[in-house]
């Protein structure tokens, strides 16, 4: 299962997606250096759903290693 490089990339994608639920995507500052905007993966329901779906789909695609064509379709 871990012999293919795409499995490693899919695992990294799943980890990053789930970490996106805990850590902010973007932290902006204004001219005075005060944080003015923070975008987290838990700011809105659609963002939570999309972030979690990306992580779950990446994990599911890892286990499709026997059927490479289906794994490619799921990734796309």
PDB file of N, CA and C in Angstrom:
ATOM      1  N   UNK A   1       0.825  -1.191   0.000  1.00  0.00           N
ATOM      2  CA  UNK A   1       0.000   0.000   0.000  1.00  0.00           C
ATOM      3  C   UNK A   1       0.872   1.259   0.000  1.00  0.00           C
ATOM      4  N   UNK A   2       1.951   1.285   0.736  1.00  0.00           N
ATOM      5  CA  UNK A   2       2.795   2.476   0.789  1.00  0.00           C
ATOM      6  C   UNK A   2       3.928   2.425  -0.236  1.00  0.00           C
ATOM      7  N   UNK A   3       3.831   1.502  -1.208  1.00  0.00           N
ATOM      8  CA  UNK A   3       4.886   1.398  -2.198  1.00  0.00           C
ATOM      9  C   UNK A   3       4.801   2.499  -3.244  1.00  0.00           C
ATOM     10  N   UNK A   4       3.628   3.036  -3.473  1.00  0.00           N
ATOM     11  CA  UNK A   4       3.458   4.056  -4.503  1.00  0.00           C
ATOM     12  C   UNK A   4       3.597   5.451  -3.902  1.00  0.00           C
ATOM     13  N   UNK A   5       4.154   6.342  -4.683  1.00  0.00           N
ATOM     14  CA  UNK A   5       4.366   7.709  -4.209  1.00  0.00           C
ATOM     15  C   UNK A   5       3.041   8.432  -4.025  1.00  0.00           C
ATOM     16  N   UNK A   6       1.998   8.088  -4.830  1.00  0.00           N
ATOM     17  CA  UNK A   6       0.732   8.786  -4.679  1.00  0.00           C
ATOM     18  C   UNK A   6       0.088   8.476  -3.332  1.00  0.00           C
ATOM     19  N   UNK A   7       0.404   7.340  -2.741  1.00  0.00           N
ATOM     20  CA  UNK A   7      -0.122   7.025  -1.416  1.00  0.00           C
ATOM     21  C   UNK A   7       0.447   7.981  -0.378  1.00  0.00           C
ATOM     22  N   UNK A   8       1.722   8.285  -0.497  1.00  0.00           N
ATOM     23  CA  UNK A   8       2.347   9.232   0.428  1.00  0.00           C
ATOM     24  C   UNK A   8       1.720  10.614   0.260  1.00  0.00           C
ATOM     25  N   UNK A   9       1.510  11.032  -0.996  1.00  0.00           N
ATOM     26  CA  UNK A   9       0.902  12.343  -1.243  1.00  0.00           C
ATOM     27  C   UNK A   9      -0.531  12.386  -0.741  1.00  0.00           C
ATOM     28  N   UNK A  10      -1.282  11.309  -0.913  1.00  0.00           N
ATOM     29  CA  UNK A  10      -2.656  11.267  -0.418  1.00  0.00           C
ATOM     30  C   UNK A  10      -2.683  11.302   1.112  1.00  0.00           C
ATOM     31  N   UNK A  11      -1.743  10.624   1.739  1.00  0.00           N
ATOM     32  CA  UNK A  11      -1.666  10.652   3.199  1.00  0.00           C
ATOM     33  C   UNK A  11      -1.338  12.058   3.687  1.00  0.00           C
ATOM     34  N   UNK A  12      -0.407  12.734   3.021  1.00  0.00           N
ATOM     35  CA  UNK A  12      -0.083  14.112   3.380  1.00  0.00           C
ATOM     36  C   UNK A  12      -1.275  15.045   3.159  1.00  0.00           C
ATOM     37  N   UNK A  13      -2.030  14.816   2.090  1.00  0.00           N
ATOM     38  CA  UNK A  13      -3.213  15.635   1.818  1.00  0.00           C
ATOM     39  C   UNK A  13      -4.262  15.439   2.899  1.00  0.00           C
ATOM     40  N   UNK A  14      -4.467  14.201   3.340  1.00  0.00           N
ATOM     41  CA  UNK A  14      -5.443  13.927   4.400  1.00  0.00           C
ATOM     42  C   UNK A  14      -5.000  14.562   5.716  1.00  0.00           C
ATOM     43  N   UNK A  15      -3.729  14.458   6.036  1.00  0.00           N
ATOM     44  CA  UNK A  15      -3.217  15.056   7.277  1.00  0.00           C
ATOM     45  C   UNK A  15      -3.375  16.572   7.241  1.00  0.00           C
ATOM     46  N   UNK A  16      -3.039  17.177   6.116  1.00  0.00           N
ATOM     47  CA  UNK A  16      -3.175  18.632   6.001  1.00  0.00           C
ATOM     48  C   UNK A  16      -4.635  19.065   6.081  1.00  0.00           C
ATOM     49  N   UNK A  17      -5.527  18.285   5.509  1.00  0.00           N
ATOM     50  CA  UNK A  17      -6.950  18.633   5.560  1.00  0.00           C
ATOM     51  C   UNK A  17      -7.458  18.585   6.998  1.00  0.00           C
ATOM     52  N   UNK A  18      -7.093  17.553   7.730  1.00  0.00           N
ATOM     53  CA  UNK A  18      -7.562  17.453   9.105  1.00  0.00           C
ATOM     54  C   UNK A  18      -6.876  18.468  10.024  1.00  0.00           C
ATOM     55  N   UNK A  19      -5.632  18.816   9.728  1.00  0.00           N
ATOM     56  CA  UNK A  19      -4.974  19.877  10.487  1.00  0.00           C
ATOM     57  C   UNK A  19      -5.590  21.237  10.177  1.00  0.00           C
ATOM     58  N   UNK A  20      -6.161  21.367   8.995  1.00  0.00           N
ATOM     59  CA  UNK A  20      -6.846  22.604   8.629  1.00  0.00           C
ATOM     60  C   UNK A  20      -8.069  22.879   9.476  1.00  0.00           C
ATOM     61  N   UNK A  21      -8.601  21.854  10.101  1.00  0.00           N
ATOM     62  CA  UNK A  21      -9.726  22.052  11.018  1.00  0.00           C
ATOM     63  C   UNK A  21      -9.260  22.609  12.363  1.00  0.00           C
ATOM     64  N   UNK A  22      -7.993  22.435  12.685  1.00  0.00           N
ATOM     65  CA  UNK A  22      -7.465  22.890  13.969  1.00  0.00           C
ATOM     66  C   UNK A  22      -6.694  24.209  13.878  1.00  0.00           C
ATOM     67  N   UNK A  23      -5.971  24.393  12.796  1.00  0.00           N
ATOM     68  CA  UNK A  23      -5.111  25.557  12.657  1.00  0.00           C
ATOM     69  C   UNK A  23      -5.654  26.491  11.584  1.00  0.00           C
ATOM     70  N   UNK A  24      -5.357  27.776  11.670  1.00  0.00           N
ATOM     71  CA  UNK A  24      -5.886  28.718  10.670  1.00  0.00           C
ATOM     72  C   UNK A  24      -5.219  28.560   9.308  1.00  0.00           C
ATOM     73  N   UNK A  25      -6.008  28.816   8.265  1.00  0.00           N
ATOM     74  CA  UNK A  25      -5.489  28.831   6.901  1.00  0.00           C
ATOM     75  C   UNK A  25      -4.732  30.124   6.642  1.00  0.00           C
ATOM     76  N   UNK A  26      -5.269  31.208   7.188  1.00  0.00           N
ATOM     77  CA  UNK A  26      -4.738  32.528   6.870  1.00  0.00           C
ATOM     78  C   UNK A  26      -4.883  33.431   8.082  1.00  0.00           C
ATOM     79  N   UNK A  27      -3.847  34.176   8.386  1.00  0.00           N
ATOM     80  CA  UNK A  27      -3.886  35.199   9.424  1.00  0.00           C
ATOM     81  C   UNK A  27      -3.356  36.477   8.789  1.00  0.00           C
ATOM     82  N   UNK A  28      -4.203  37.485   8.735  1.00  0.00           N
ATOM     83  CA  UNK A  28      -3.809  38.748   8.135  1.00  0.00           C
ATOM     84  C   UNK A  28      -3.593  39.812   9.195  1.00  0.00           C
ATOM     85  N   UNK A  29      -2.760  40.767   8.883  1.00  0.00           N
ATOM     86  CA  UNK A  29      -2.517  41.890   9.785  1.00  0.00           C
ATOM     87  C   UNK A  29      -2.774  43.192   9.047  1.00  0.00           C
ATOM     88  N   UNK A  30      -3.110  44.213   9.816  1.00  0.00           N
ATOM     89  CA  UNK A  30      -3.291  45.532   9.216  1.00  0.00           C
ATOM     90  C   UNK A  30      -1.977  46.305   9.276  1.00  0.00           C
ATOM     91  N   UNK A  31      -1.998  47.581   8.982  1.00  0.00           N
ATOM     92  CA  UNK A  31      -0.769  48.373   8.927  1.00  0.00           C
ATOM     93  C   UNK A  31      -0.071  48.490  10.275  1.00  0.00           C
ATOM     94  N   UNK A  32      -0.856  48.424  11.353  1.00  0.00           N
ATOM     95  CA  UNK A  32      -0.267  48.535  12.689  1.00  0.00           C
ATOM     96  C   UNK A  32       0.276  47.206  13.203  1.00  0.00           C
ATOM     97  N   UNK A  33       0.100  46.140  12.451  1.00  0.00           N
ATOM     98  CA  UNK A  33       0.602  44.835  12.877  1.00  0.00           C
ATOM     99  C   UNK A  33      -0.379  44.065  13.744  1.00  0.00           C
ATOM    100  N   UNK A  34      -1.599  44.533  13.855  1.00  0.00           N
ATOM    101  CA  UNK A  34      -2.612  43.868  14.671  1.00  0.00           C
ATOM    102  C   UNK A  34      -3.335  42.839  13.795  1.00  0.00           C
ATOM    103  N   UNK A  35      -3.467  41.574  14.278  1.00  0.00           N
ATOM    104  CA  UNK A  35      -4.203  40.586  13.483  1.00  0.00           C
ATOM    105  C   UNK A  35      -5.632  41.058  13.230  1.00  0.00           C
ATOM    106  N   UNK A  36      -5.998  41.141  11.968  1.00  0.00           N
ATOM    107  CA  UNK A  36      -7.316  41.662  11.636  1.00  0.00           C
ATOM    108  C   UNK A  36      -8.241  40.593  11.075  1.00  0.00           C
ATOM    109  N   UNK A  37      -7.719  39.532  10.518  1.00  0.00           N
ATOM    110  CA  UNK A  37      -8.566  38.507   9.950  1.00  0.00           C
ATOM    111  C   UNK A  37      -7.903  37.147  10.094  1.00  0.00           C
ATOM    112  N   UNK A  38      -8.659  36.197  10.588  1.00  0.00           N
ATOM    113  CA  UNK A  38      -8.180  34.830  10.736  1.00  0.00           C
ATOM    114  C   UNK A  38      -9.184  33.915  10.052  1.00  0.00           C
ATOM    115  N   UNK A  39      -8.733  33.105   9.112  1.00  0.00           N
ATOM    116  CA  UNK A  39      -9.595  32.157   8.415  1.00  0.00           C
ATOM    117  C   UNK A  39      -9.253  30.754   8.890  1.00  0.00           C
ATOM    118  N   UNK A  40     -10.185  30.134   9.582  1.00  0.00           N
ATOM    119  CA  UNK A  40      -9.990  28.776  10.080  1.00  0.00           C
ATOM    120  C   UNK A  40     -10.924  27.834   9.341  1.00  0.00           C
ATOM    121  N   UNK A  41     -10.623  26.555   9.396  1.00  0.00           N
ATOM    122  CA  UNK A  41     -11.448  25.545   8.750  1.00  0.00           C
ATOM    123  C   UNK A  41     -12.769  25.319   9.458  1.00  0.00           C
ATOM    124  N   UNK A  42     -12.954  25.951  10.602  1.00  0.00           N
ATOM    125  CA  UNK A  42     -14.196  25.779  11.355  1.00  0.00           C
ATOM    126  C   UNK A  42     -15.014  27.067  11.411  1.00  0.00           C
ATOM    127  N   UNK A  43     -14.770  27.991  10.483  1.00  0.00           N
ATOM    128  CA  UNK A  43     -15.486  29.265  10.493  1.00  0.00           C
ATOM    129  C   UNK A  43     -16.933  29.138  10.048  1.00  0.00           C
ATOM    130  N   UNK A  44     -17.207  28.268   9.103  1.00  0.00           N
ATOM    131  CA  UNK A  44     -18.563  28.121   8.606  1.00  0.00           C
ATOM    132  C   UNK A  44     -18.839  26.654   8.296  1.00  0.00           C
ATOM    133  N   UNK A  45     -20.111  26.321   8.255  1.00  0.00           N
ATOM    134  CA  UNK A  45     -20.509  24.938   7.999  1.00  0.00           C
ATOM    135  C   UNK A  45     -20.029  24.445   6.623  1.00  0.00           C
ATOM    136  N   UNK A  46     -20.195  25.228   5.546  1.00  0.00           N
ATOM    137  CA  UNK A  46     -19.691  24.724   4.255  1.00  0.00           C
ATOM    138  C   UNK A  46     -18.181  24.488   4.247  1.00  0.00           C
ATOM    139  N   UNK A  47     -17.436  25.338   4.927  1.00  0.00           N
ATOM    140  CA  UNK A  47     -15.986  25.164   4.986  1.00  0.00           C
ATOM    141  C   UNK A  47     -15.614  23.920   5.793  1.00  0.00           C
ATOM    142  N   UNK A  48     -16.346  23.637   6.858  1.00  0.00           N
ATOM    143  CA  UNK A  48     -16.121  22.417   7.636  1.00  0.00           C
ATOM    144  C   UNK A  48     -16.388  21.192   6.776  1.00  0.00           C
ATOM    145  N   UNK A  49     -17.496  21.211   6.050  1.00  0.00           N
ATOM    146  CA  UNK A  49     -17.878  20.066   5.221  1.00  0.00           C
ATOM    147  C   UNK A  49     -16.854  19.816   4.124  1.00  0.00           C
ATOM    148  N   UNK A  50     -16.426  20.875   3.449  1.00  0.00           N
ATOM    149  CA  UNK A  50     -15.457  20.719   2.355  1.00  0.00           C
ATOM    150  C   UNK A  50     -14.114  20.234   2.889  1.00  0.00           C
ATOM    151  N   UNK A  51     -13.656  20.803   3.993  1.00  0.00           N
ATOM    152  CA  UNK A  51     -12.368  20.413   4.557  1.00  0.00           C
ATOM    153  C   UNK A  51     -12.386  18.956   5.011  1.00  0.00           C
ATOM    154  N   UNK A  52     -13.448  18.558   5.691  1.00  0.00           N
ATOM    155  CA  UNK A  52     -13.558  17.168   6.145  1.00  0.00           C
ATOM    156  C   UNK A  52     -13.708  16.222   4.959  1.00  0.00           C
ATOM    157  N   UNK A  53     -14.461  16.627   3.938  1.00  0.00           N
ATOM    158  CA  UNK A  53     -14.657  15.771   2.766  1.00  0.00           C
ATOM    159  C   UNK A  53     -13.346  15.534   2.030  1.00  0.00           C
ATOM    160  N   UNK A  54     -12.526  16.556   1.914  1.00  0.00           N
ATOM    161  CA  UNK A  54     -11.227  16.391   1.257  1.00  0.00           C
ATOM    162  C   UNK A  54     -10.376  15.383   2.020  1.00  0.00           C
ATOM    163  N   UNK A  55     -10.364  15.475   3.335  1.00  0.00           N
ATOM    164  CA  UNK A  55      -9.588  14.532   4.142  1.00  0.00           C
ATOM    165  C   UNK A  55     -10.101  13.110   4.035  1.00  0.00           C
ATOM    166  N   UNK A  56     -11.407  12.941   4.082  1.00  0.00           N
ATOM    167  CA  UNK A  56     -11.996  11.600   4.004  1.00  0.00           C
ATOM    168  C   UNK A  56     -11.790  10.999   2.612  1.00  0.00           C
ATOM    169  N   UNK A  57     -11.977  11.797   1.574  1.00  0.00           N
ATOM    170  CA  UNK A  57     -11.789  11.293   0.211  1.00  0.00           C
ATOM    171  C   UNK A  57     -10.334  10.886  -0.016  1.00  0.00           C
ATOM    172  N   UNK A  58      -9.402  11.650   0.535  1.00  0.00           N
ATOM    173  CA  UNK A  58      -7.986  11.281   0.406  1.00  0.00           C
ATOM    174  C   UNK A  58      -7.701   9.964   1.119  1.00  0.00           C
ATOM    175  N   UNK A  59      -8.284   9.772   2.293  1.00  0.00           N
ATOM    176  CA  UNK A  59      -8.086   8.510   3.014  1.00  0.00           C
ATOM    177  C   UNK A  59      -8.728   7.340   2.279  1.00  0.00           C
ATOM    178  N   UNK A  60      -9.901   7.547   1.720  1.00  0.00           N
ATOM    179  CA  UNK A  60     -10.562   6.483   0.958  1.00  0.00           C
ATOM    180  C   UNK A  60      -9.736   6.131  -0.270  1.00  0.00           C
ATOM    181  N   UNK A  61      -9.182   7.138  -0.933  1.00  0.00           N
ATOM    182  CA  UNK A  61      -8.386   6.895  -2.137  1.00  0.00           C
ATOM    183  C   UNK A  61      -7.130   6.094  -1.840  1.00  0.00           C
ATOM    184  N   UNK A  62      -6.597   6.220  -0.643  1.00  0.00           N
ATOM    185  CA  UNK A  62      -5.409   5.436  -0.272  1.00  0.00           C
ATOM    186  C   UNK A  62      -5.712   3.951  -0.351  1.00  0.00           C
ATOM    187  N   UNK A  63      -6.899   3.567   0.094  1.00  0.00           N
ATOM    188  CA  UNK A  63      -7.243   2.154   0.139  1.00  0.00           C
ATOM    189  C   UNK A  63      -7.757   1.614  -1.194  1.00  0.00           C
ATOM    190  N   UNK A  64      -7.755   2.431  -2.215  1.00  0.00           N
ATOM    191  CA  UNK A  64      -8.099   1.989  -3.562  1.00  0.00           C
ATOM    192  C   UNK A  64      -6.844   1.681  -4.375  1.00  0.00           C
ATOM    193  N   UNK A  65      -5.764   1.314  -3.709  1.00  0.00           N
ATOM    194  CA  UNK A  65      -4.486   1.113  -4.381  1.00  0.00           C
ATOM    195  C   UNK A  65      -4.515  -0.062  -5.352  1.00  0.00           C
ATOM    196  N   UNK A  66      -5.425  -1.018  -5.180  1.00  0.00           N
ATOM    197  CA  UNK A  66      -5.489  -2.158  -6.100  1.00  0.00           C
ATOM    198  C   UNK A  66      -6.124  -1.774  -7.431  1.00  0.00           C
ATOM    199  N   UNK A  67      -6.958  -0.744  -7.418  1.00  0.00           N
ATOM    200  CA  UNK A  67      -7.624  -0.292  -8.636  1.00  0.00           C
ATOM    201  C   UNK A  67      -7.142   1.125  -8.924  1.00  0.00           C
ATOM    202  N   UNK A  68      -6.056   1.218  -9.658  1.00  0.00           N
ATOM    203  CA  UNK A  68      -5.397   2.511  -9.871  1.00  0.00           C
ATOM    204  C   UNK A  68      -6.250   3.486 -10.664  1.00  0.00           C
ATOM    205  N   UNK A  69      -7.039   2.980 -11.623  1.00  0.00           N
ATOM    206  CA  UNK A  69      -7.885   3.868 -12.424  1.00  0.00           C
ATOM    207  C   UNK A  69      -8.963   4.515 -11.556  1.00  0.00           C
ATOM    208  N   UNK A  70      -9.572   3.730 -10.679  1.00  0.00           N
ATOM    209  CA  UNK A  70     -10.586   4.287  -9.777  1.00  0.00           C
ATOM    210  C   UNK A  70      -9.943   5.251  -8.786  1.00  0.00           C
ATOM    211  N   UNK A  71      -8.748   4.931  -8.320  1.00  0.00           N
ATOM    212  CA  UNK A  71      -8.039   5.825  -7.403  1.00  0.00           C
ATOM    213  C   UNK A  71      -7.763   7.159  -8.085  1.00  0.00           C
ATOM    214  N   UNK A  72      -7.397   7.131  -9.328  1.00  0.00           N
ATOM    215  CA  UNK A  72      -7.132   8.364 -10.078  1.00  0.00           C
ATOM    216  C   UNK A  72      -8.427   9.172 -10.230  1.00  0.00           C
ATOM    217  N   UNK A  73      -9.540   8.506 -10.538  1.00  0.00           N
ATOM    218  CA  UNK A  73     -10.821   9.220 -10.672  1.00  0.00           C
ATOM    219  C   UNK A  73     -11.248   9.848  -9.364  1.00  0.00           C
ATOM    220  N   UNK A  74     -11.058   9.139  -8.266  1.00  0.00           N
ATOM    221  CA  UNK A  74     -11.422   9.686  -6.953  1.00  0.00           C
ATOM    222  C   UNK A  74     -10.553  10.883  -6.624  1.00  0.00           C
ATOM    223  N   UNK A  75      -9.292  10.821  -6.954  1.00  0.00           N
ATOM    224  CA  UNK A  75      -8.383  11.943  -6.669  1.00  0.00           C
ATOM    225  C   UNK A  75      -8.743  13.181  -7.498  1.00  0.00           C
ATOM    226  N   UNK A  76      -9.107  12.959  -8.719  1.00  0.00           N
ATOM    227  CA  UNK A  76      -9.450  14.091  -9.587  1.00  0.00           C
ATOM    228  C   UNK A  76     -10.747  14.690  -9.102  1.00  0.00           C
TER     229      UNK A  76
END
